[in-house]
Each structure stands twice: as structure tokens, then as C-alpha cells.
Amino acid sequence: MDRWVRFARRNLPLVAVTVVIAAAVVLVLADRWRRGAFVFGGATILAGVLRWVLAPEQVGVLAVRSKGFDVAALLLVGGAIVALAVSIDPLGTG
């Protein structure tokens, strides 16, 4: 039982990010692609924040390279996705 608790605790950050990505996919499939892009950017920012605040043994596979590189890359890409999703005008409006 202790092994399962450690496994769940180690993978909880990845599960949280995956749940938010799944919500983004649902929004895109429901033809809400701007909201889906916004939520996907939020998931990327969430991954960056989790990588920043948690120890390497707590983030599991969210740790790919050095902590500084992972955090900078995730926050930069997530911020760019959110900025693009917010800046695009909805189709069909004046």
C-alpha cells in the first residue's frame, strides 16, 4: 500500500496537468478552439509552476532537463499560447 501512495504522490503533478490538457481537448472538440487554446496554455503554465515549486523527485516526468530550463521553457511557451488565444479576434465579429 505504501508503494501505491508514493506512486500516486510522485505522479500527481503529471495527472493534474493531464486533466487540464484533457479539458482543453474537450473544448477544442466542442468547437471552442480559442478557449481550448487558452486552457492548454494554462496547462503549460501549470506544468512550469509545478516544476518550479516542487522538488525534482516530486515532479516525476515533468523534469526533463535542468530546473531553470524546464521552468523557463514551459512558462514562455504557455504564456505565448495564452497571449495568442486572447489576442485572436473571434470569427464573425466586427
Protein backbone atom coordinates (compact mmCIF):
# COMPACT_ATOMS: atom_id res chain seq x y z
CA MET A 1 0.00 0.00 0.00
CA ASP A 2 2.84 2.37 0.83
CA ARG A 3 4.23 1.86 -2.66
CA TRP A 4 0.95 2.97 -4.25
CA VAL A 5 0.85 6.11 -2.12
CA ARG A 6 4.38 7.02 -3.19
CA PHE A 7 3.49 6.27 -6.83
CA ALA A 8 0.36 8.45 -6.68
CA ARG A 9 2.16 11.26 -4.88
CA ARG A 10 5.01 11.22 -7.40
CA ASN A 11 2.65 11.31 -10.38
CA LEU A 12 0.10 13.77 -9.00
CA PRO A 13 1.65 16.80 -10.81
CA LEU A 14 1.56 14.95 -14.13
CA VAL A 15 -2.04 13.85 -13.52
CA ALA A 16 -3.08 17.43 -12.72
CA VAL A 17 -1.52 18.75 -15.93
CA THR A 18 -3.03 15.88 -17.95
CA VAL A 19 -6.52 16.60 -16.60
CA VAL A 20 -6.24 20.25 -17.66
CA ILE A 21 -4.99 19.20 -21.11
CA ALA A 22 -7.95 16.80 -21.41
CA ALA A 23 -10.29 19.70 -20.62
CA ALA A 24 -8.60 21.71 -23.38
CA VAL A 25 -9.10 18.86 -25.85
CA VAL A 26 -12.79 18.62 -24.90
CA LEU A 27 -13.19 22.36 -25.54
CA VAL A 28 -11.47 22.09 -28.93
CA LEU A 29 -13.64 19.12 -29.91
CA ALA A 30 -16.72 21.13 -28.85
CA ASP A 31 -15.68 23.79 -31.38
CA ARG A 32 -14.43 26.19 -28.69
CA TRP A 33 -10.88 26.27 -30.03
CA ARG A 34 -9.96 29.67 -28.56
CA ARG A 35 -11.00 28.60 -25.07
CA GLY A 36 -9.27 25.27 -25.61
CA ALA A 37 -6.06 27.04 -26.62
CA PHE A 38 -6.33 29.26 -23.55
CA VAL A 39 -6.80 26.25 -21.26
CA PHE A 40 -3.93 24.41 -22.97
CA GLY A 41 -1.68 27.42 -22.35
CA GLY A 42 -2.84 27.36 -18.75
CA ALA A 43 -1.87 23.69 -18.50
CA THR A 44 1.59 24.52 -19.80
CA ILE A 45 1.94 27.33 -17.27
CA LEU A 46 0.71 24.96 -14.54
CA ALA A 47 3.42 22.48 -15.53
CA GLY A 48 6.01 25.24 -15.33
CA VAL A 49 4.85 26.39 -11.91
CA LEU A 50 4.79 22.82 -10.58
CA ARG A 51 8.30 22.24 -11.92
CA TRP A 52 9.40 25.47 -10.23
CA VAL A 53 7.97 24.88 -6.76
CA LEU A 54 8.34 21.11 -6.35
CA ALA A 55 11.49 19.11 -5.77
CA PRO A 56 12.79 17.00 -8.70
CA GLU A 57 11.71 13.76 -7.03
CA GLN A 58 8.16 15.12 -6.67
CA VAL A 59 7.55 16.21 -10.27
CA GLY A 60 8.18 12.86 -11.92
CA VAL A 61 8.40 13.07 -15.70
CA LEU A 62 7.76 16.83 -15.74
CA ALA A 63 11.51 17.09 -15.05
CA VAL A 64 13.18 16.78 -18.44
CA ARG A 65 16.25 18.99 -18.34
CA SER A 66 17.61 21.35 -15.73
CA LYS A 67 15.06 23.04 -13.48
CA GLY A 68 15.80 26.51 -14.87
CA PHE A 69 15.43 25.40 -18.48
CA ASP A 70 12.21 23.47 -17.83
CA VAL A 71 10.60 26.36 -15.94
CA ALA A 72 11.65 28.99 -18.47
CA ALA A 73 10.56 26.94 -21.47
CA LEU A 74 7.18 25.94 -20.01
CA LEU A 75 6.31 29.43 -18.77
CA LEU A 76 7.44 31.06 -22.02
CA VAL A 77 5.53 28.66 -24.26
CA GLY A 78 2.46 28.69 -22.01
CA GLY A 79 2.47 32.47 -21.89
CA ALA A 80 2.78 32.68 -25.67
CA ILE A 81 -0.15 30.29 -26.17
CA VAL A 82 -2.33 32.23 -23.73
CA ALA A 83 -1.36 35.55 -25.34
CA LEU A 84 -2.20 34.23 -28.81
CA ALA A 85 -5.51 32.75 -27.64
CA VAL A 86 -6.52 36.05 -26.05
CA SER A 87 -5.37 38.24 -28.95
CA ILE A 88 -7.15 36.42 -31.77
CA ASP A 89 -10.44 38.05 -32.70
CA PRO A 90 -13.41 35.70 -32.68
CA LEU A 91 -14.52 34.87 -36.21
CA GLY A 92 -17.62 36.59 -37.42
CA THR A 93 -17.48 39.63 -35.18
CA GLY A 94 -16.86 43.19 -36.31
